[in-house]
Amino acid sequence: MGRPKKEHSLSRQDVIAAAIAGIDQDGAAALGVSRVARRLGIKPPAIYKHLENGAALQRATAITLWERYLTECQQTLADRPITTDLLKQLGHFTRNFAKTYPGRYQVMMQVQLQPQDPEPSVIIHKLLAFLRQALSDYTLTDTQLIDVMRMVNAAIYGFIAIEQAGLMTIERSPDESYEVMLAGLLSAIATISKNSE
């Protein structure tokens, strides 16, 4: 009897692991059915046994990357006290993650996760819980909390996106600018919090 074909012995997790390995090696552009299949040494249709199309591959990979990010983030910040400084530490962790894994970070930011979709919903709720924890030192209404979360995400993501694109060309340390931005965010959140009283 001949050996079973490689495509029959693969699991969904094998496909996602290959996608992540490709992203780490070649960047976010490596996340495609043909490129993942080539990395696995199989024909592209074999991937559809595990993930129905390219969008499903992107979504499953992004979810796995978010899970890994959250696990690493929680491990890194687990022993830190809940203070206003935790948000600053979260900002530094995210930027360091993006520098270490630029391709992973791009995929995480490019794939939209919907809260009504059960699998991404778990990730979204974990992210929200973590941000709430980081903001627990502030008194915020539910509406203000949403506004602050959007503001924090936009500022940190925007800074990292500009930095990754190589657009910070003025002679000023990006590290120093990032510190100023995080301090500005904390001041803005404190002001918003005072308005809730």
N, C-alpha and C. Protein backbone atom coordinates (compact mmCIF):
# COMPACT_ATOMS: atom_id res chain seq x y z
N MET A 1 0.82 -1.19 0.00
CA MET A 1 0.00 0.00 0.00
C MET A 1 0.87 1.25 0.00
N GLY A 2 0.50 2.24 -0.81
CA GLY A 2 1.28 3.48 -0.87
C GLY A 2 0.99 4.35 0.33
N ARG A 3 1.88 5.29 0.55
CA ARG A 3 1.69 6.24 1.66
C ARG A 3 0.54 7.19 1.33
N PRO A 4 -0.21 7.62 2.34
CA PRO A 4 -1.29 8.56 2.07
C PRO A 4 -0.72 9.88 1.58
N LYS A 5 -1.45 10.54 0.70
CA LYS A 5 -1.00 11.81 0.18
C LYS A 5 -0.92 12.83 1.32
N LYS A 6 0.06 13.72 1.20
CA LYS A 6 0.28 14.73 2.25
C LYS A 6 -0.98 15.54 2.50
N GLU A 7 -1.72 15.87 1.42
CA GLU A 7 -2.90 16.71 1.57
C GLU A 7 -3.99 16.06 2.43
N HIS A 8 -3.97 14.71 2.51
CA HIS A 8 -4.96 14.00 3.32
C HIS A 8 -4.57 13.97 4.80
N SER A 9 -3.31 14.18 5.10
CA SER A 9 -2.85 14.12 6.50
C SER A 9 -2.80 15.50 7.15
N LEU A 10 -3.06 16.54 6.39
CA LEU A 10 -3.01 17.90 6.93
C LEU A 10 -4.26 18.23 7.74
N SER A 11 -4.08 19.07 8.75
CA SER A 11 -5.21 19.56 9.53
C SER A 11 -5.40 21.05 9.22
N ARG A 12 -6.50 21.60 9.71
CA ARG A 12 -6.76 23.03 9.58
C ARG A 12 -5.64 23.83 10.24
N GLN A 13 -5.19 23.36 11.40
CA GLN A 13 -4.12 24.05 12.12
C GLN A 13 -2.80 24.00 11.35
N ASP A 14 -2.56 22.92 10.60
CA ASP A 14 -1.35 22.84 9.77
C ASP A 14 -1.37 23.94 8.71
N VAL A 15 -2.54 24.15 8.12
CA VAL A 15 -2.69 25.17 7.08
C VAL A 15 -2.45 26.56 7.68
N ILE A 16 -3.04 26.82 8.83
CA ILE A 16 -2.87 28.13 9.48
C ILE A 16 -1.41 28.33 9.90
N ALA A 17 -0.78 27.28 10.43
CA ALA A 17 0.63 27.37 10.83
C ALA A 17 1.51 27.70 9.62
N ALA A 18 1.21 27.09 8.47
CA ALA A 18 1.97 27.37 7.25
C ALA A 18 1.74 28.82 6.81
N ALA A 19 0.51 29.29 6.96
CA ALA A 19 0.21 30.68 6.60
C ALA A 19 1.02 31.64 7.46
N ILE A 20 1.08 31.37 8.76
CA ILE A 20 1.83 32.24 9.68
C ILE A 20 3.32 32.18 9.40
N ALA A 21 3.84 31.00 9.09
CA ALA A 21 5.26 30.87 8.75
C ALA A 21 5.58 31.68 7.50
N GLY A 22 4.66 31.66 6.53
CA GLY A 22 4.84 32.45 5.31
C GLY A 22 4.82 33.94 5.59
N ILE A 23 3.90 34.36 6.45
CA ILE A 23 3.81 35.77 6.83
C ILE A 23 5.09 36.22 7.52
N ASP A 24 5.61 35.39 8.43
CA ASP A 24 6.85 35.73 9.13
C ASP A 24 8.03 35.85 8.17
N GLN A 25 8.03 35.03 7.14
CA GLN A 25 9.15 35.04 6.20
C GLN A 25 9.01 36.11 5.12
N ASP A 26 7.79 36.25 4.57
CA ASP A 26 7.60 37.11 3.39
C ASP A 26 6.64 38.28 3.59
N GLY A 27 6.11 38.44 4.78
CA GLY A 27 5.19 39.55 5.03
C GLY A 27 3.74 39.18 4.77
N ALA A 28 2.86 40.16 4.99
CA ALA A 28 1.42 39.94 4.90
C ALA A 28 0.98 39.47 3.52
N ALA A 29 1.73 39.82 2.48
CA ALA A 29 1.38 39.42 1.12
C ALA A 29 1.43 37.90 0.92
N ALA A 30 2.09 37.19 1.84
CA ALA A 30 2.20 35.74 1.73
C ALA A 30 0.91 35.02 2.11
N LEU A 31 -0.06 35.77 2.63
CA LEU A 31 -1.31 35.14 3.08
C LEU A 31 -2.27 35.00 1.89
N GLY A 32 -2.09 33.91 1.16
CA GLY A 32 -2.95 33.59 0.02
C GLY A 32 -2.99 32.09 -0.16
N VAL A 33 -4.08 31.59 -0.71
CA VAL A 33 -4.25 30.14 -0.84
C VAL A 33 -3.11 29.52 -1.64
N SER A 34 -2.75 30.10 -2.78
CA SER A 34 -1.70 29.52 -3.64
C SER A 34 -0.35 29.49 -2.94
N ARG A 35 -0.03 30.57 -2.25
CA ARG A 35 1.28 30.63 -1.58
C ARG A 35 1.35 29.70 -0.39
N VAL A 36 0.26 29.57 0.34
CA VAL A 36 0.24 28.64 1.48
C VAL A 36 0.31 27.21 0.98
N ALA A 37 -0.42 26.91 -0.09
CA ALA A 37 -0.38 25.56 -0.67
C ALA A 37 1.03 25.21 -1.14
N ARG A 38 1.68 26.16 -1.79
CA ARG A 38 3.05 25.92 -2.26
C ARG A 38 3.98 25.65 -1.08
N ARG A 39 3.80 26.38 0.00
CA ARG A 39 4.62 26.18 1.19
C ARG A 39 4.40 24.78 1.77
N LEU A 40 3.17 24.29 1.68
CA LEU A 40 2.85 22.96 2.21
C LEU A 40 3.18 21.83 1.23
N GLY A 41 3.49 22.20 -0.02
CA GLY A 41 3.78 21.19 -1.03
C GLY A 41 2.55 20.46 -1.51
N ILE A 42 1.42 21.18 -1.55
CA ILE A 42 0.16 20.59 -2.01
C ILE A 42 -0.45 21.48 -3.08
N LYS A 43 -1.50 21.00 -3.70
CA LYS A 43 -2.23 21.81 -4.69
C LYS A 43 -3.24 22.69 -3.95
N PRO A 44 -3.49 23.91 -4.43
CA PRO A 44 -4.40 24.83 -3.74
C PRO A 44 -5.77 24.25 -3.37
N PRO A 45 -6.42 23.45 -4.24
CA PRO A 45 -7.75 22.94 -3.86
C PRO A 45 -7.75 22.12 -2.57
N ALA A 46 -6.60 21.54 -2.20
CA ALA A 46 -6.54 20.73 -0.97
C ALA A 46 -6.80 21.59 0.27
N ILE A 47 -6.50 22.88 0.18
CA ILE A 47 -6.73 23.77 1.33
C ILE A 47 -8.22 23.94 1.58
N TYR A 48 -9.03 23.85 0.51
CA TYR A 48 -10.47 24.07 0.65
C TYR A 48 -11.16 22.97 1.44
N LYS A 49 -10.45 21.91 1.74
CA LYS A 49 -11.02 20.88 2.62
C LYS A 49 -11.06 21.37 4.06
N HIS A 50 -10.22 22.35 4.35
CA HIS A 50 -10.12 22.86 5.73
C HIS A 50 -10.69 24.27 5.87
N LEU A 51 -10.55 25.08 4.82
CA LEU A 51 -11.03 26.47 4.82
C LEU A 51 -11.65 26.74 3.46
N GLU A 52 -12.90 27.17 3.45
CA GLU A 52 -13.67 27.19 2.19
C GLU A 52 -13.17 28.12 1.10
N ASN A 53 -12.42 29.18 1.46
CA ASN A 53 -11.90 30.09 0.45
C ASN A 53 -10.78 30.95 1.04
N GLY A 54 -10.27 31.86 0.21
CA GLY A 54 -9.17 32.71 0.66
C GLY A 54 -9.55 33.62 1.82
N ALA A 55 -10.79 34.11 1.81
CA ALA A 55 -11.25 34.98 2.90
C ALA A 55 -11.29 34.20 4.22
N ALA A 56 -11.70 32.94 4.16
CA ALA A 56 -11.74 32.10 5.37
C ALA A 56 -10.33 31.84 5.88
N LEU A 57 -9.38 31.67 4.96
CA LEU A 57 -7.98 31.48 5.36
C LEU A 57 -7.47 32.73 6.07
N GLN A 58 -7.76 33.90 5.51
CA GLN A 58 -7.32 35.15 6.12
C GLN A 58 -7.94 35.33 7.50
N ARG A 59 -9.24 35.07 7.60
CA ARG A 59 -9.96 35.23 8.86
C ARG A 59 -9.42 34.29 9.93
N ALA A 60 -9.26 33.01 9.59
CA ALA A 60 -8.77 32.02 10.56
C ALA A 60 -7.35 32.35 11.01
N THR A 61 -6.53 32.82 10.07
CA THR A 61 -5.15 33.19 10.41
C THR A 61 -5.13 34.41 11.33
N ALA A 62 -5.95 35.41 11.00
CA ALA A 62 -6.01 36.61 11.83
C ALA A 62 -6.49 36.28 13.25
N ILE A 63 -7.48 35.41 13.37
CA ILE A 63 -7.99 35.03 14.69
C ILE A 63 -6.88 34.35 15.50
N THR A 64 -6.15 33.45 14.86
CA THR A 64 -5.04 32.76 15.55
C THR A 64 -3.97 33.76 15.98
N LEU A 65 -3.67 34.72 15.12
CA LEU A 65 -2.66 35.74 15.46
C LEU A 65 -3.13 36.60 16.62
N TRP A 66 -4.41 36.98 16.64
CA TRP A 66 -4.94 37.76 17.75
C TRP A 66 -4.88 36.96 19.05
N GLU A 67 -5.20 35.66 18.97
CA GLU A 67 -5.13 34.81 20.16
C GLU A 67 -3.71 34.78 20.72
N ARG A 68 -2.73 34.65 19.83
CA ARG A 68 -1.33 34.60 20.27
C ARG A 68 -0.90 35.95 20.84
N TYR A 69 -1.32 37.02 20.20
CA TYR A 69 -1.01 38.37 20.68
C TYR A 69 -1.56 38.56 22.10
N LEU A 70 -2.83 38.20 22.30
CA LEU A 70 -3.46 38.38 23.60
C LEU A 70 -2.79 37.53 24.68
N THR A 71 -2.45 36.30 24.33
CA THR A 71 -1.78 35.42 25.29
C THR A 71 -0.45 36.01 25.71
N GLU A 72 0.32 36.46 24.72
CA GLU A 72 1.64 37.05 25.00
C GLU A 72 1.49 38.35 25.80
N CYS A 73 0.50 39.14 25.45
CA CYS A 73 0.26 40.41 26.14
C CYS A 73 -0.12 40.15 27.60
N GLN A 74 -1.02 39.21 27.83
CA GLN A 74 -1.45 38.90 29.19
C GLN A 74 -0.30 38.35 30.03
N GLN A 75 0.54 37.53 29.41
CA GLN A 75 1.70 36.98 30.13
C GLN A 75 2.68 38.09 30.49
N THR A 76 2.89 39.02 29.55
CA THR A 76 3.85 40.10 29.77
C THR A 76 3.37 41.07 30.85
N LEU A 77 2.06 41.37 30.84
CA LEU A 77 1.55 42.39 31.74
C LEU A 77 0.83 41.82 32.96
N ALA A 78 0.85 40.49 33.11
CA ALA A 78 0.05 39.83 34.17
C ALA A 78 0.35 40.31 35.57
N ASP A 79 1.59 40.55 35.88
CA ASP A 79 1.96 40.90 37.25
C ASP A 79 2.00 42.41 37.50
N ARG A 80 1.62 43.18 36.49
CA ARG A 80 1.67 44.64 36.66
C ARG A 80 0.42 45.11 37.40
N PRO A 81 0.57 46.09 38.27
CA PRO A 81 -0.61 46.62 38.98
C PRO A 81 -1.53 47.38 38.01
N ILE A 82 -2.82 47.41 38.33
CA ILE A 82 -3.78 48.13 37.49
C ILE A 82 -3.69 49.62 37.85
N THR A 83 -2.95 50.36 37.07
CA THR A 83 -2.83 51.80 37.25
C THR A 83 -2.95 52.45 35.89
N THR A 84 -2.95 53.79 35.87
CA THR A 84 -3.01 54.50 34.58
C THR A 84 -1.81 54.14 33.72
N ASP A 85 -0.73 53.71 34.34
CA ASP A 85 0.48 53.36 33.60
C ASP A 85 0.33 52.08 32.78
N LEU A 86 -0.68 51.25 33.13
CA LEU A 86 -0.89 49.99 32.41
C LEU A 86 -1.20 50.26 30.94
N LEU A 87 -1.95 51.31 30.66
CA LEU A 87 -2.29 51.65 29.29
C LEU A 87 -1.02 52.00 28.51
N LYS A 88 -0.11 52.68 29.16
CA LYS A 88 1.17 53.04 28.54
C LYS A 88 1.96 51.77 28.23
N GLN A 89 1.98 50.84 29.18
CA GLN A 89 2.68 49.57 28.98
C GLN A 89 2.07 48.77 27.84
N LEU A 90 0.75 48.82 27.74
CA LEU A 90 0.05 48.14 26.64
C LEU A 90 0.46 48.75 25.31
N GLY A 91 0.58 50.07 25.28
CA GLY A 91 1.03 50.75 24.06
C GLY A 91 2.43 50.32 23.65
N HIS A 92 3.32 50.20 24.62
CA HIS A 92 4.69 49.76 24.32
C HIS A 92 4.71 48.30 23.88
N PHE A 93 3.91 47.47 24.53
CA PHE A 93 3.86 46.06 24.14
C PHE A 93 3.41 45.94 22.69
N THR A 94 2.36 46.66 22.32
CA THR A 94 1.81 46.58 20.96
C THR A 94 2.83 47.03 19.93
N ARG A 95 3.52 48.13 20.21
CA ARG A 95 4.53 48.62 19.25
C ARG A 95 5.68 47.63 19.13
N ASN A 96 6.13 47.05 20.24
CA ASN A 96 7.21 46.06 20.19
C ASN A 96 6.77 44.81 19.42
N PHE A 97 5.51 44.41 19.62
CA PHE A 97 4.97 43.26 18.88
C PHE A 97 5.00 43.55 17.38
N ALA A 98 4.57 44.76 17.01
CA ALA A 98 4.53 45.13 15.58
C ALA A 98 5.93 45.18 14.98
N LYS A 99 6.92 45.58 15.78
CA LYS A 99 8.31 45.61 15.28
C LYS A 99 8.85 44.20 15.13
N THR A 100 8.51 43.32 16.08
CA THR A 100 9.00 41.94 16.05
C THR A 100 8.31 41.14 14.95
N TYR A 101 7.02 41.36 14.79
CA TYR A 101 6.22 40.60 13.81
C TYR A 101 5.46 41.55 12.89
N PRO A 102 6.16 42.28 12.02
CA PRO A 102 5.46 43.27 11.19
C PRO A 102 4.39 42.67 10.28
N GLY A 103 4.67 41.50 9.70
CA GLY A 103 3.69 40.86 8.84
C GLY A 103 2.46 40.43 9.60
N ARG A 104 2.66 39.83 10.75
CA ARG A 104 1.54 39.39 11.59
C ARG A 104 0.66 40.60 11.96
N TYR A 105 1.33 41.67 12.37
CA TYR A 105 0.58 42.85 12.80
C TYR A 105 -0.26 43.42 11.65
N GLN A 106 0.32 43.45 10.44
CA GLN A 106 -0.42 43.94 9.29
C GLN A 106 -1.66 43.10 9.02
N VAL A 107 -1.52 41.79 9.09
CA VAL A 107 -2.67 40.89 8.87
C VAL A 107 -3.73 41.15 9.94
N MET A 108 -3.31 41.27 11.18
CA MET A 108 -4.25 41.52 12.28
C MET A 108 -5.04 42.81 12.06
N MET A 109 -4.39 43.83 11.50
CA MET A 109 -5.04 45.11 11.30
C MET A 109 -5.86 45.16 10.01
N GLN A 110 -5.54 44.28 9.05
CA GLN A 110 -6.22 44.32 7.76
C GLN A 110 -7.48 43.46 7.70
N VAL A 111 -7.55 42.43 8.52
CA VAL A 111 -8.70 41.52 8.46
C VAL A 111 -9.73 41.98 9.47
N GLN A 112 -10.91 42.31 8.97
CA GLN A 112 -11.98 42.81 9.83
C GLN A 112 -12.68 41.65 10.54
N LEU A 113 -12.75 41.74 11.85
CA LEU A 113 -13.45 40.73 12.65
C LEU A 113 -14.79 41.31 13.10
N GLN A 114 -15.85 40.53 12.90
CA GLN A 114 -17.20 41.00 13.22
C GLN A 114 -17.66 40.48 14.58
N PRO A 115 -18.16 41.35 15.46
CA PRO A 115 -18.58 40.91 16.78
C PRO A 115 -19.76 39.93 16.78
N GLN A 116 -20.56 39.93 15.70
CA GLN A 116 -21.69 39.01 15.65
C GLN A 116 -21.29 37.62 15.17
N ASP A 117 -20.05 37.47 14.71
CA ASP A 117 -19.53 36.19 14.26
C ASP A 117 -18.95 35.47 15.49
N PRO A 118 -19.42 34.26 15.83
CA PRO A 118 -19.06 33.63 17.11
C PRO A 118 -17.56 33.52 17.39
N GLU A 119 -16.77 33.05 16.41
CA GLU A 119 -15.34 32.85 16.68
C GLU A 119 -14.60 34.17 16.92
N PRO A 120 -14.74 35.16 16.03
CA PRO A 120 -14.08 36.45 16.30
C PRO A 120 -14.65 37.15 17.53
N SER A 121 -15.91 36.89 17.84
CA SER A 121 -16.55 37.53 18.98
C SER A 121 -15.79 37.28 20.28
N VAL A 122 -15.25 36.07 20.43
CA VAL A 122 -14.48 35.72 21.63
C VAL A 122 -13.25 36.61 21.73
N ILE A 123 -12.55 36.77 20.60
CA ILE A 123 -11.34 37.62 20.57
C ILE A 123 -11.70 39.06 20.88
N ILE A 124 -12.76 39.56 20.24
CA ILE A 124 -13.16 40.96 20.43
C ILE A 124 -13.50 41.22 21.90
N HIS A 125 -14.22 40.29 22.52
CA HIS A 125 -14.58 40.47 23.94
C HIS A 125 -13.35 40.42 24.85
N LYS A 126 -12.38 39.57 24.50
CA LYS A 126 -11.13 39.52 25.28
C LYS A 126 -10.37 40.84 25.14
N LEU A 127 -10.32 41.36 23.92
CA LEU A 127 -9.64 42.64 23.69
C LEU A 127 -10.31 43.77 24.47
N LEU A 128 -11.64 43.80 24.42
CA LEU A 128 -12.38 44.83 25.13
C LEU A 128 -12.17 44.71 26.64
N ALA A 129 -12.17 43.47 27.13
CA ALA A 129 -11.96 43.25 28.57
C ALA A 129 -10.57 43.73 29.00
N PHE A 130 -9.58 43.47 28.14
CA PHE A 130 -8.22 43.89 28.46
C PHE A 130 -8.10 45.41 28.46
N LEU A 131 -8.72 46.05 27.48
CA LEU A 131 -8.70 47.52 27.43
C LEU A 131 -9.45 48.11 28.61
N ARG A 132 -10.58 47.50 28.96
CA ARG A 132 -11.33 47.97 30.14
C ARG A 132 -10.46 47.90 31.39
N GLN A 133 -9.73 46.79 31.50
CA GLN A 133 -8.83 46.62 32.66
C GLN A 133 -7.78 47.73 32.67
N ALA A 134 -7.20 47.99 31.49
CA ALA A 134 -6.16 49.03 31.40
C ALA A 134 -6.72 50.42 31.70
N LEU A 135 -8.05 50.59 31.49
CA LEU A 135 -8.68 51.89 31.71
C LEU A 135 -9.46 51.95 33.02
N SER A 136 -9.33 50.91 33.85
CA SER A 136 -10.18 50.81 35.04
C SER A 136 -9.89 51.90 36.09
N ASP A 137 -8.77 52.57 35.97
CA ASP A 137 -8.44 53.65 36.91
C ASP A 137 -9.24 54.92 36.61
N TYR A 138 -9.89 54.94 35.45
CA TYR A 138 -10.66 56.12 35.05
C TYR A 138 -12.16 55.87 35.25
N THR A 139 -12.89 56.93 35.55
CA THR A 139 -14.34 56.84 35.63
C THR A 139 -14.91 57.24 34.27
N LEU A 140 -15.41 56.26 33.53
CA LEU A 140 -15.91 56.52 32.18
C LEU A 140 -17.30 55.92 32.02
N THR A 141 -18.18 56.66 31.37
CA THR A 141 -19.48 56.10 31.01
C THR A 141 -19.27 55.09 29.90
N ASP A 142 -20.27 54.29 29.58
CA ASP A 142 -20.14 53.30 28.51
C ASP A 142 -19.81 53.97 27.18
N THR A 143 -20.46 55.09 26.91
CA THR A 143 -20.21 55.83 25.66
C THR A 143 -18.78 56.37 25.64
N GLN A 144 -18.35 56.94 26.75
CA GLN A 144 -16.98 57.46 26.82
C GLN A 144 -15.95 56.34 26.67
N LEU A 145 -16.26 55.18 27.24
CA LEU A 145 -15.34 54.04 27.12
C LEU A 145 -15.14 53.66 25.66
N ILE A 146 -16.22 53.63 24.90
CA ILE A 146 -16.13 53.32 23.46
C ILE A 146 -15.29 54.38 22.75
N ASP A 147 -15.57 55.66 23.05
CA ASP A 147 -14.81 56.76 22.43
C ASP A 147 -13.32 56.64 22.74
N VAL A 148 -13.00 56.36 24.01
CA VAL A 148 -11.60 56.25 24.42
C VAL A 148 -10.93 55.06 23.76
N MET A 149 -11.62 53.94 23.70
CA MET A 149 -11.04 52.76 23.04
C MET A 149 -10.73 53.05 21.58
N ARG A 150 -11.66 53.71 20.90
CA ARG A 150 -11.42 54.06 19.48
C ARG A 150 -10.25 55.03 19.35
N MET A 151 -10.18 55.99 20.25
CA MET A 151 -9.10 56.98 20.23
C MET A 151 -7.74 56.31 20.45
N VAL A 152 -7.68 55.42 21.46
CA VAL A 152 -6.43 54.72 21.76
C VAL A 152 -6.01 53.84 20.58
N ASN A 153 -6.96 53.07 20.04
CA ASN A 153 -6.65 52.20 18.90
C ASN A 153 -6.17 52.99 17.70
N ALA A 154 -6.88 54.09 17.40
CA ALA A 154 -6.51 54.90 16.23
C ALA A 154 -5.11 55.50 16.40
N ALA A 155 -4.82 56.01 17.59
CA ALA A 155 -3.51 56.64 17.83
C ALA A 155 -2.38 55.62 17.72
N ILE A 156 -2.53 54.50 18.42
CA ILE A 156 -1.45 53.50 18.43
C ILE A 156 -1.30 52.86 17.05
N TYR A 157 -2.44 52.46 16.44
CA TYR A 157 -2.37 51.85 15.11
C TYR A 157 -1.82 52.84 14.09
N GLY A 158 -2.28 54.08 14.17
CA GLY A 158 -1.82 55.09 13.20
C GLY A 158 -0.32 55.33 13.31
N PHE A 159 0.18 55.45 14.53
CA PHE A 159 1.61 55.67 14.73
C PHE A 159 2.40 54.50 14.15
N ILE A 160 1.98 53.28 14.49
CA ILE A 160 2.70 52.08 14.03
C ILE A 160 2.64 51.97 12.50
N ALA A 161 1.49 52.26 11.91
CA ALA A 161 1.33 52.17 10.45
C ALA A 161 2.28 53.15 9.76
N ILE A 162 2.35 54.37 10.26
CA ILE A 162 3.25 55.38 9.68
C ILE A 162 4.70 54.96 9.86
N GLU A 163 5.02 54.44 11.03
CA GLU A 163 6.39 53.99 11.31
C GLU A 163 6.77 52.83 10.40
N GLN A 164 5.88 51.84 10.25
CA GLN A 164 6.18 50.69 9.40
C GLN A 164 6.33 51.08 7.93
N ALA A 165 5.62 52.12 7.52
CA ALA A 165 5.71 52.58 6.13
C ALA A 165 6.97 53.42 5.88
N GLY A 166 7.75 53.69 6.94
CA GLY A 166 8.98 54.45 6.78
C GLY A 166 8.75 55.93 6.54
N LEU A 167 7.62 56.45 7.04
CA LEU A 167 7.26 57.85 6.77
C LEU A 167 7.72 58.82 7.85
N MET A 168 8.41 58.32 8.87
CA MET A 168 8.92 59.20 9.92
C MET A 168 10.34 59.63 9.56
N THR A 169 10.42 60.65 8.72
CA THR A 169 11.71 61.05 8.15
C THR A 169 12.32 62.29 8.82
N ILE A 170 11.54 62.99 9.63
CA ILE A 170 12.08 64.18 10.31
C ILE A 170 13.02 63.73 11.42
N GLU A 171 14.07 64.50 11.64
CA GLU A 171 15.09 64.13 12.64
C GLU A 171 14.56 64.33 14.06
N ARG A 172 13.82 63.37 14.50
CA ARG A 172 13.31 63.34 15.87
C ARG A 172 13.06 61.86 16.17
N SER A 173 13.52 61.39 17.29
CA SER A 173 13.40 59.98 17.63
C SER A 173 11.93 59.54 17.68
N PRO A 174 11.55 58.52 16.89
CA PRO A 174 10.19 57.99 16.97
C PRO A 174 9.85 57.50 18.38
N ASP A 175 10.86 57.00 19.11
CA ASP A 175 10.64 56.54 20.48
C ASP A 175 10.16 57.70 21.36
N GLU A 176 10.82 58.84 21.21
CA GLU A 176 10.44 60.01 22.00
C GLU A 176 9.05 60.51 21.62
N SER A 177 8.77 60.51 20.31
CA SER A 177 7.45 60.94 19.85
C SER A 177 6.36 60.00 20.35
N TYR A 178 6.67 58.72 20.40
CA TYR A 178 5.69 57.73 20.87
C TYR A 178 5.37 57.96 22.35
N GLU A 179 6.42 58.26 23.13
CA GLU A 179 6.22 58.56 24.55
C GLU A 179 5.31 59.78 24.73
N VAL A 180 5.57 60.81 23.92
CA VAL A 180 4.75 62.02 23.99
C VAL A 180 3.30 61.71 23.64
N MET A 181 3.10 60.88 22.61
CA MET A 181 1.75 60.51 22.19
C MET A 181 1.01 59.76 23.30
N LEU A 182 1.70 58.79 23.93
CA LEU A 182 1.07 58.01 25.00
C LEU A 182 0.72 58.91 26.19
N ALA A 183 1.63 59.83 26.52
CA ALA A 183 1.36 60.77 27.62
C ALA A 183 0.16 61.66 27.27
N GLY A 184 0.08 62.07 26.00
CA GLY A 184 -1.06 62.88 25.54
C GLY A 184 -2.37 62.11 25.62
N LEU A 185 -2.32 60.83 25.29
CA LEU A 185 -3.52 59.99 25.39
C LEU A 185 -4.00 59.91 26.83
N LEU A 186 -3.06 59.70 27.76
CA LEU A 186 -3.43 59.61 29.17
C LEU A 186 -4.05 60.92 29.66
N SER A 187 -3.50 62.05 29.22
CA SER A 187 -4.05 63.35 29.60
C SER A 187 -5.46 63.53 29.04
N ALA A 188 -5.63 63.12 27.77
CA ALA A 188 -6.94 63.25 27.13
C ALA A 188 -7.98 62.37 27.83
N ILE A 189 -7.58 61.15 28.20
CA ILE A 189 -8.50 60.24 28.89
C ILE A 189 -8.88 60.79 30.25
N ALA A 190 -7.91 61.39 30.94
CA ALA A 190 -8.19 62.00 32.26
C ALA A 190 -9.20 63.13 32.12
N THR A 191 -9.08 63.91 31.06
CA THR A 191 -10.02 65.01 30.81
C THR A 191 -11.42 64.48 30.51
N ILE A 192 -11.48 63.44 29.67
CA ILE A 192 -12.77 62.82 29.35
C ILE A 192 -13.41 62.25 30.61
N SER A 193 -12.58 61.61 31.44
CA SER A 193 -13.07 61.03 32.69
C SER A 193 -13.66 62.09 33.61
N LYS A 194 -13.03 63.28 33.69
CA LYS A 194 -13.54 64.35 34.54
C LYS A 194 -14.91 64.83 34.05
N ASN A 195 -15.12 64.78 32.74
CA ASN A 195 -16.39 65.22 32.17
C ASN A 195 -17.53 64.26 32.45
N SER A 196 -17.19 63.07 32.96
CA SER A 196 -18.25 62.09 33.27
C SER A 196 -18.79 62.28 34.68
N GLU A 197 -18.10 63.08 35.45
CA GLU A 197 -18.49 63.24 36.87
C GLU A 197 -19.65 64.22 37.00
